[in-house]
Amino acid sequence: MASPAVLGLLPPLSSPPGPNLNNNNNNNQGVRKCGYLRKQKHGHKRFFVLRGPGGGEEAGGARLEYYESEKKWRNKSGAPKRVIALDSCLNINKRADAKHKYLIALYTKDEYFAVAAENEQEQEGWYRALTDLLNEGKAACQG
């Protein structure tokens, strides 16, 4: 007899739960990665969306946005609470502090913004997605 996973009774182990980006909602255009992270300063959990160039309702460069919750992003109830244009980032690092072991820090000319992931795998996923987009933007400027 086939296993429950083969029969479709159980979800496959390889696909972690998360937002479904396969629908045709305009909000999903250009989304490279999304999910909950904590802001470093006060530890508030927020829903972050990483968009590639031209993604979303307003065309523009690659950016990291965050919303109060996934529901507010899905329902398009208002603009993001904050948008960080990746072309303004001078550097993106992985780091840790006394409160957060898995931080991702974005440095711009004027400020420092950091978010905390739950674990090393999540930190690495966000770090790679951010640095890949940052490098794509730099290559486009030089090419």
N, C-alpha and C. Protein backbone atom coordinates (compact mmCIF):
# COMPACT_ATOMS: atom_id res chain seq x y z
N MET A 1 0.84 -1.19 0.00
CA MET A 1 0.00 0.00 0.00
C MET A 1 0.88 1.25 0.00
N ALA A 2 0.44 2.28 -0.72
CA ALA A 2 1.21 3.53 -0.82
C ALA A 2 1.13 4.30 0.49
N SER A 3 2.16 5.09 0.74
CA SER A 3 2.19 5.89 1.97
C SER A 3 1.14 7.01 1.89
N PRO A 4 0.71 7.56 3.04
CA PRO A 4 -0.27 8.66 3.02
C PRO A 4 0.20 9.87 2.21
N ALA A 5 1.51 10.14 2.22
CA ALA A 5 2.03 11.29 1.45
C ALA A 5 1.85 11.06 -0.04
N VAL A 6 2.09 9.81 -0.49
CA VAL A 6 1.94 9.49 -1.91
C VAL A 6 0.48 9.58 -2.32
N LEU A 7 -0.42 9.18 -1.44
CA LEU A 7 -1.85 9.23 -1.74
C LEU A 7 -2.41 10.65 -1.70
N GLY A 8 -1.59 11.60 -1.30
CA GLY A 8 -2.05 12.98 -1.24
C GLY A 8 -2.78 13.32 0.04
N LEU A 9 -2.71 12.43 1.03
CA LEU A 9 -3.39 12.69 2.29
C LEU A 9 -2.59 13.60 3.20
N LEU A 10 -1.29 13.64 2.99
CA LEU A 10 -0.42 14.50 3.78
C LEU A 10 0.33 15.44 2.86
N PRO A 11 0.60 16.65 3.31
CA PRO A 11 1.38 17.56 2.47
C PRO A 11 2.81 17.06 2.35
N PRO A 12 3.49 17.31 1.23
CA PRO A 12 4.88 16.89 1.10
C PRO A 12 5.74 17.62 2.13
N LEU A 13 6.75 16.94 2.63
CA LEU A 13 7.62 17.52 3.66
C LEU A 13 8.48 18.65 3.13
N SER A 14 8.72 18.67 1.82
CA SER A 14 9.66 19.64 1.27
C SER A 14 9.08 21.04 1.12
N SER A 15 7.77 21.20 1.20
CA SER A 15 7.22 22.55 1.02
C SER A 15 6.78 23.11 2.37
N PRO A 16 7.56 24.05 2.91
CA PRO A 16 7.20 24.64 4.19
C PRO A 16 5.94 25.48 4.07
N PRO A 17 5.17 25.58 5.16
CA PRO A 17 3.97 26.41 5.08
C PRO A 17 4.35 27.87 4.88
N GLY A 18 3.50 28.58 4.20
CA GLY A 18 3.77 30.00 3.96
C GLY A 18 2.74 30.55 3.01
N PRO A 19 2.84 31.81 2.71
CA PRO A 19 1.87 32.45 1.83
C PRO A 19 1.89 31.84 0.44
N ASN A 20 0.72 31.72 -0.16
CA ASN A 20 0.61 31.21 -1.52
C ASN A 20 0.81 32.38 -2.47
N LEU A 21 1.88 32.34 -3.24
CA LEU A 21 2.18 33.43 -4.17
C LEU A 21 1.72 33.12 -5.59
N ASN A 22 0.93 32.05 -5.75
CA ASN A 22 0.55 31.62 -7.09
C ASN A 22 -0.73 32.25 -7.60
N ASN A 23 -1.45 33.01 -6.77
CA ASN A 23 -2.66 33.63 -7.32
C ASN A 23 -2.31 34.90 -8.09
N ASN A 24 -3.27 35.46 -8.78
CA ASN A 24 -2.99 36.59 -9.66
C ASN A 24 -3.26 37.93 -9.00
N ASN A 25 -3.14 38.00 -7.72
CA ASN A 25 -3.32 39.24 -6.98
C ASN A 25 -2.19 40.21 -7.37
N ASN A 26 -2.53 41.45 -7.73
CA ASN A 26 -1.52 42.46 -8.10
C ASN A 26 -0.48 42.65 -7.02
N ASN A 27 -0.89 42.45 -5.77
CA ASN A 27 0.02 42.63 -4.64
C ASN A 27 1.19 41.66 -4.71
N ASN A 28 1.04 40.54 -5.41
CA ASN A 28 2.08 39.51 -5.46
C ASN A 28 3.10 39.74 -6.57
N GLN A 29 2.89 40.71 -7.44
CA GLN A 29 3.79 40.91 -8.57
C GLN A 29 5.19 41.26 -8.10
N GLY A 30 6.15 40.53 -8.62
CA GLY A 30 7.54 40.81 -8.32
C GLY A 30 8.00 40.34 -6.96
N VAL A 31 7.16 39.62 -6.22
CA VAL A 31 7.54 39.17 -4.88
C VAL A 31 8.56 38.04 -4.99
N ARG A 32 9.71 38.26 -4.37
CA ARG A 32 10.78 37.25 -4.35
C ARG A 32 10.72 36.40 -3.08
N LYS A 33 10.29 37.05 -1.99
CA LYS A 33 10.23 36.34 -0.70
C LYS A 33 9.30 37.13 0.21
N CYS A 34 8.59 36.42 1.06
CA CYS A 34 7.78 37.10 2.06
C CYS A 34 7.60 36.21 3.27
N GLY A 35 7.34 36.83 4.40
CA GLY A 35 7.15 36.08 5.64
C GLY A 35 7.34 36.98 6.85
N TYR A 36 7.12 36.40 8.01
CA TYR A 36 7.24 37.16 9.25
C TYR A 36 8.68 37.19 9.76
N LEU A 37 9.11 38.38 10.15
CA LEU A 37 10.38 38.60 10.82
C LEU A 37 10.11 39.56 11.98
N ARG A 38 11.04 39.65 12.90
CA ARG A 38 10.90 40.61 14.01
C ARG A 38 11.81 41.80 13.78
N LYS A 39 11.29 42.99 14.07
CA LYS A 39 12.14 44.18 14.02
C LYS A 39 13.08 44.13 15.22
N GLN A 40 14.32 44.52 15.01
CA GLN A 40 15.31 44.40 16.08
C GLN A 40 14.98 45.30 17.27
N LYS A 41 14.60 46.53 16.99
CA LYS A 41 14.50 47.53 18.05
C LYS A 41 13.55 47.11 19.18
N HIS A 42 12.31 46.75 18.84
CA HIS A 42 11.33 46.41 19.88
C HIS A 42 10.86 44.96 19.80
N GLY A 43 11.33 44.22 18.81
CA GLY A 43 10.95 42.82 18.69
C GLY A 43 9.56 42.58 18.14
N HIS A 44 8.95 43.62 17.55
CA HIS A 44 7.61 43.44 16.98
C HIS A 44 7.67 42.55 15.75
N LYS A 45 6.74 41.62 15.68
CA LYS A 45 6.65 40.71 14.54
C LYS A 45 5.88 41.42 13.43
N ARG A 46 6.46 41.47 12.25
CA ARG A 46 5.84 42.14 11.10
C ARG A 46 5.96 41.25 9.87
N PHE A 47 5.08 41.49 8.90
CA PHE A 47 5.09 40.72 7.66
C PHE A 47 5.92 41.46 6.63
N PHE A 48 7.02 40.85 6.20
CA PHE A 48 7.95 41.47 5.26
C PHE A 48 7.76 40.91 3.86
N VAL A 49 7.90 41.79 2.87
CA VAL A 49 7.76 41.43 1.46
C VAL A 49 8.97 41.98 0.72
N LEU A 50 9.69 41.10 0.05
CA LEU A 50 10.85 41.50 -0.75
C LEU A 50 10.43 41.45 -2.21
N ARG A 51 10.49 42.61 -2.87
CA ARG A 51 10.07 42.71 -4.27
C ARG A 51 11.27 42.98 -5.17
N GLY A 52 11.22 42.38 -6.34
CA GLY A 52 12.22 42.66 -7.36
C GLY A 52 11.87 43.96 -8.06
N PRO A 53 12.72 44.41 -8.98
CA PRO A 53 12.46 45.66 -9.70
C PRO A 53 11.14 45.60 -10.46
N GLY A 54 10.37 46.68 -10.36
CA GLY A 54 9.11 46.77 -11.11
C GLY A 54 7.97 46.00 -10.50
N GLY A 55 8.16 45.37 -9.35
CA GLY A 55 7.10 44.57 -8.74
C GLY A 55 6.11 45.42 -7.98
N GLY A 56 4.86 45.00 -7.99
CA GLY A 56 3.84 45.69 -7.20
C GLY A 56 3.08 46.70 -8.02
N GLU A 57 2.21 47.42 -7.34
CA GLU A 57 1.34 48.37 -8.02
C GLU A 57 2.11 49.57 -8.53
N GLU A 58 3.12 49.98 -7.82
CA GLU A 58 3.93 51.10 -8.29
C GLU A 58 5.27 50.55 -8.74
N ALA A 59 5.56 50.71 -10.01
CA ALA A 59 6.83 50.20 -10.52
C ALA A 59 7.97 50.95 -9.86
N GLY A 60 9.04 50.25 -9.65
CA GLY A 60 10.20 50.87 -9.02
C GLY A 60 11.30 49.85 -8.86
N GLY A 61 12.33 50.22 -8.13
CA GLY A 61 13.45 49.33 -7.91
C GLY A 61 13.13 48.26 -6.89
N ALA A 62 14.06 47.36 -6.71
CA ALA A 62 13.92 46.30 -5.71
C ALA A 62 13.78 46.94 -4.33
N ARG A 63 12.93 46.34 -3.50
CA ARG A 63 12.69 46.94 -2.19
C ARG A 63 12.19 45.91 -1.17
N LEU A 64 12.42 46.25 0.08
CA LEU A 64 11.91 45.47 1.20
C LEU A 64 10.81 46.30 1.84
N GLU A 65 9.61 45.73 1.92
CA GLU A 65 8.47 46.41 2.52
C GLU A 65 8.05 45.63 3.76
N TYR A 66 7.40 46.33 4.70
CA TYR A 66 6.77 45.54 5.76
C TYR A 66 5.41 46.11 6.11
N TYR A 67 4.58 45.20 6.58
CA TYR A 67 3.19 45.47 6.92
C TYR A 67 2.93 44.99 8.34
N GLU A 68 1.87 45.50 8.94
CA GLU A 68 1.48 45.08 10.28
C GLU A 68 1.26 43.56 10.33
N SER A 69 0.63 43.01 9.27
CA SER A 69 0.33 41.58 9.25
C SER A 69 0.20 41.12 7.80
N GLU A 70 0.23 39.80 7.61
CA GLU A 70 0.02 39.23 6.28
C GLU A 70 -1.38 39.58 5.78
N LYS A 71 -2.35 39.57 6.67
CA LYS A 71 -3.73 39.87 6.30
C LYS A 71 -3.84 41.28 5.70
N LYS A 72 -3.16 42.25 6.33
CA LYS A 72 -3.22 43.62 5.81
C LYS A 72 -2.55 43.71 4.44
N TRP A 73 -1.49 42.94 4.22
CA TRP A 73 -0.85 42.92 2.90
C TRP A 73 -1.78 42.29 1.88
N ARG A 74 -2.36 41.15 2.22
CA ARG A 74 -3.25 40.43 1.29
C ARG A 74 -4.48 41.26 0.94
N ASN A 75 -5.05 41.95 1.93
CA ASN A 75 -6.26 42.74 1.70
C ASN A 75 -5.97 44.11 1.11
N LYS A 76 -4.69 44.40 0.91
CA LYS A 76 -4.27 45.71 0.40
C LYS A 76 -4.84 46.84 1.24
N SER A 77 -4.94 46.62 2.56
CA SER A 77 -5.50 47.67 3.42
C SER A 77 -4.40 48.65 3.81
N GLY A 78 -4.13 49.53 2.90
CA GLY A 78 -3.15 50.57 3.17
C GLY A 78 -1.78 50.28 2.60
N ALA A 79 -0.99 51.31 2.60
CA ALA A 79 0.38 51.22 2.09
C ALA A 79 1.23 50.47 3.12
N PRO A 80 2.41 50.02 2.69
CA PRO A 80 3.30 49.38 3.66
C PRO A 80 3.66 50.36 4.78
N LYS A 81 3.94 49.83 5.95
CA LYS A 81 4.37 50.68 7.06
C LYS A 81 5.71 51.32 6.76
N ARG A 82 6.51 50.61 5.98
CA ARG A 82 7.84 51.12 5.63
C ARG A 82 8.32 50.44 4.36
N VAL A 83 9.10 51.17 3.57
CA VAL A 83 9.72 50.63 2.36
C VAL A 83 11.19 51.02 2.39
N ILE A 84 12.06 50.05 2.18
CA ILE A 84 13.50 50.31 2.09
C ILE A 84 13.93 49.94 0.68
N ALA A 85 14.34 50.94 -0.09
CA ALA A 85 14.81 50.69 -1.46
C ALA A 85 16.18 50.03 -1.38
N LEU A 86 16.33 48.88 -2.04
CA LEU A 86 17.61 48.18 -1.97
C LEU A 86 18.72 48.93 -2.67
N ASP A 87 18.37 49.79 -3.64
CA ASP A 87 19.45 50.55 -4.29
C ASP A 87 20.03 51.62 -3.36
N SER A 88 19.37 51.87 -2.22
CA SER A 88 19.94 52.79 -1.23
C SER A 88 20.81 52.06 -0.20
N CYS A 89 20.82 50.73 -0.25
CA CYS A 89 21.62 49.94 0.71
C CYS A 89 23.08 49.90 0.29
N LEU A 90 23.94 50.26 1.21
CA LEU A 90 25.38 50.18 0.97
C LEU A 90 25.89 48.79 1.28
N ASN A 91 25.23 48.13 2.26
CA ASN A 91 25.68 46.81 2.68
C ASN A 91 24.54 46.06 3.36
N ILE A 92 24.59 44.73 3.29
CA ILE A 92 23.66 43.87 4.00
C ILE A 92 24.50 42.79 4.68
N ASN A 93 24.31 42.63 6.00
CA ASN A 93 25.11 41.67 6.77
C ASN A 93 24.24 40.75 7.61
N LYS A 94 24.80 39.58 7.93
CA LYS A 94 24.22 38.72 8.96
C LYS A 94 24.98 39.04 10.24
N ARG A 95 24.26 39.16 11.34
CA ARG A 95 24.93 39.42 12.62
C ARG A 95 24.07 38.92 13.77
N ALA A 96 24.55 39.12 14.98
CA ALA A 96 23.82 38.72 16.18
C ALA A 96 24.06 39.76 17.26
N ASP A 97 23.12 39.87 18.18
CA ASP A 97 23.35 40.71 19.36
C ASP A 97 22.87 39.93 20.58
N ALA A 98 22.85 40.58 21.73
CA ALA A 98 22.50 39.88 22.97
C ALA A 98 21.07 39.33 22.96
N LYS A 99 20.15 40.03 22.27
CA LYS A 99 18.75 39.61 22.25
C LYS A 99 18.39 38.72 21.07
N HIS A 100 19.05 38.92 19.94
CA HIS A 100 18.68 38.22 18.71
C HIS A 100 19.90 37.52 18.11
N LYS A 101 19.76 36.23 17.92
CA LYS A 101 20.89 35.44 17.41
C LYS A 101 20.99 35.50 15.88
N TYR A 102 19.86 35.71 15.19
CA TYR A 102 19.84 35.61 13.72
C TYR A 102 19.35 36.90 13.08
N LEU A 103 20.18 37.92 13.12
CA LEU A 103 19.83 39.23 12.56
C LEU A 103 20.29 39.37 11.11
N ILE A 104 19.55 40.19 10.37
CA ILE A 104 19.96 40.64 9.05
C ILE A 104 19.94 42.16 9.12
N ALA A 105 21.07 42.77 8.84
CA ALA A 105 21.21 44.22 8.97
C ALA A 105 21.37 44.86 7.61
N LEU A 106 20.59 45.91 7.36
CA LEU A 106 20.68 46.69 6.12
C LEU A 106 21.23 48.07 6.47
N TYR A 107 22.27 48.46 5.79
CA TYR A 107 22.91 49.75 6.04
C TYR A 107 22.70 50.66 4.83
N THR A 108 22.15 51.84 5.08
CA THR A 108 22.05 52.86 4.03
C THR A 108 22.95 54.01 4.46
N LYS A 109 23.00 55.03 3.62
CA LYS A 109 23.83 56.20 3.93
C LYS A 109 23.40 56.84 5.26
N ASP A 110 22.11 56.84 5.51
CA ASP A 110 21.57 57.56 6.65
C ASP A 110 21.16 56.71 7.85
N GLU A 111 21.01 55.40 7.65
CA GLU A 111 20.50 54.62 8.76
C GLU A 111 20.89 53.15 8.72
N TYR A 112 20.52 52.48 9.80
CA TYR A 112 20.74 51.05 9.99
C TYR A 112 19.38 50.46 10.33
N PHE A 113 19.00 49.39 9.64
CA PHE A 113 17.71 48.74 9.89
C PHE A 113 17.98 47.24 10.00
N ALA A 114 17.51 46.61 11.07
CA ALA A 114 17.78 45.19 11.25
C ALA A 114 16.51 44.43 11.60
N VAL A 115 16.45 43.20 11.10
CA VAL A 115 15.34 42.30 11.39
C VAL A 115 15.91 40.99 11.92
N ALA A 116 15.11 40.32 12.75
CA ALA A 116 15.54 39.06 13.35
C ALA A 116 14.73 37.91 12.79
N ALA A 117 15.44 36.87 12.37
CA ALA A 117 14.82 35.64 11.90
C ALA A 117 14.69 34.68 13.08
N GLU A 118 13.83 33.67 12.91
CA GLU A 118 13.61 32.68 13.98
C GLU A 118 14.78 31.71 14.12
N ASN A 119 15.45 31.41 12.99
CA ASN A 119 16.51 30.41 13.02
C ASN A 119 17.53 30.70 11.93
N GLU A 120 18.60 29.93 11.92
CA GLU A 120 19.70 30.16 10.97
C GLU A 120 19.26 29.94 9.52
N GLN A 121 18.41 28.94 9.29
CA GLN A 121 17.95 28.65 7.93
C GLN A 121 17.12 29.82 7.38
N GLU A 122 16.24 30.36 8.20
CA GLU A 122 15.42 31.50 7.79
C GLU A 122 16.31 32.72 7.55
N GLN A 123 17.28 32.94 8.43
CA GLN A 123 18.21 34.05 8.27
C GLN A 123 18.95 33.93 6.94
N GLU A 124 19.44 32.74 6.64
CA GLU A 124 20.20 32.52 5.40
C GLU A 124 19.32 32.74 4.17
N GLY A 125 18.08 32.29 4.22
CA GLY A 125 17.15 32.47 3.10
C GLY A 125 16.90 33.94 2.80
N TRP A 126 16.62 34.72 3.83
CA TRP A 126 16.39 36.16 3.65
C TRP A 126 17.67 36.86 3.21
N TYR A 127 18.79 36.50 3.83
CA TYR A 127 20.07 37.13 3.48
C TYR A 127 20.39 36.90 2.01
N ARG A 128 20.24 35.66 1.56
CA ARG A 128 20.54 35.35 0.14
C ARG A 128 19.60 36.09 -0.80
N ALA A 129 18.32 36.11 -0.47
CA ALA A 129 17.35 36.80 -1.33
C ALA A 129 17.68 38.29 -1.41
N LEU A 130 18.00 38.90 -0.29
CA LEU A 130 18.34 40.33 -0.26
C LEU A 130 19.63 40.62 -1.02
N THR A 131 20.68 39.84 -0.75
CA THR A 131 21.96 40.11 -1.41
C THR A 131 21.90 39.79 -2.90
N ASP A 132 21.13 38.76 -3.28
CA ASP A 132 20.98 38.46 -4.72
C ASP A 132 20.34 39.64 -5.43
N LEU A 133 19.28 40.20 -4.85
CA LEU A 133 18.61 41.36 -5.46
C LEU A 133 19.52 42.58 -5.48
N LEU A 134 20.26 42.79 -4.40
CA LEU A 134 21.20 43.92 -4.34
C LEU A 134 22.26 43.78 -5.43
N ASN A 135 22.79 42.58 -5.60
CA ASN A 135 23.81 42.34 -6.63
C ASN A 135 23.24 42.45 -8.04
N GLU A 136 21.98 42.02 -8.24
CA GLU A 136 21.33 42.19 -9.54
C GLU A 136 21.26 43.67 -9.90
N GLY A 137 20.89 44.48 -8.93
CA GLY A 137 20.79 45.93 -9.15
C GLY A 137 22.13 46.55 -9.47
N LYS A 138 23.18 46.12 -8.77
CA LYS A 138 24.52 46.65 -9.04
C LYS A 138 25.01 46.24 -10.42
N ALA A 139 24.73 45.00 -10.82
CA ALA A 139 25.14 44.51 -12.14
C ALA A 139 24.42 45.28 -13.24
N ALA A 140 23.14 45.59 -13.02
CA ALA A 140 22.37 46.33 -14.01
C ALA A 140 22.93 47.75 -14.18
N CYS A 141 23.38 48.34 -13.07
CA CYS A 141 23.94 49.70 -13.13
C CYS A 141 25.27 49.72 -13.87
N GLN A 142 26.05 48.65 -13.73
CA GLN A 142 27.37 48.61 -14.35
C GLN A 142 27.31 48.12 -15.79
N GLY A 143 26.23 47.41 -16.15
CA GLY A 143 26.14 46.80 -17.47
C GLY A 143 25.56 47.66 -18.46
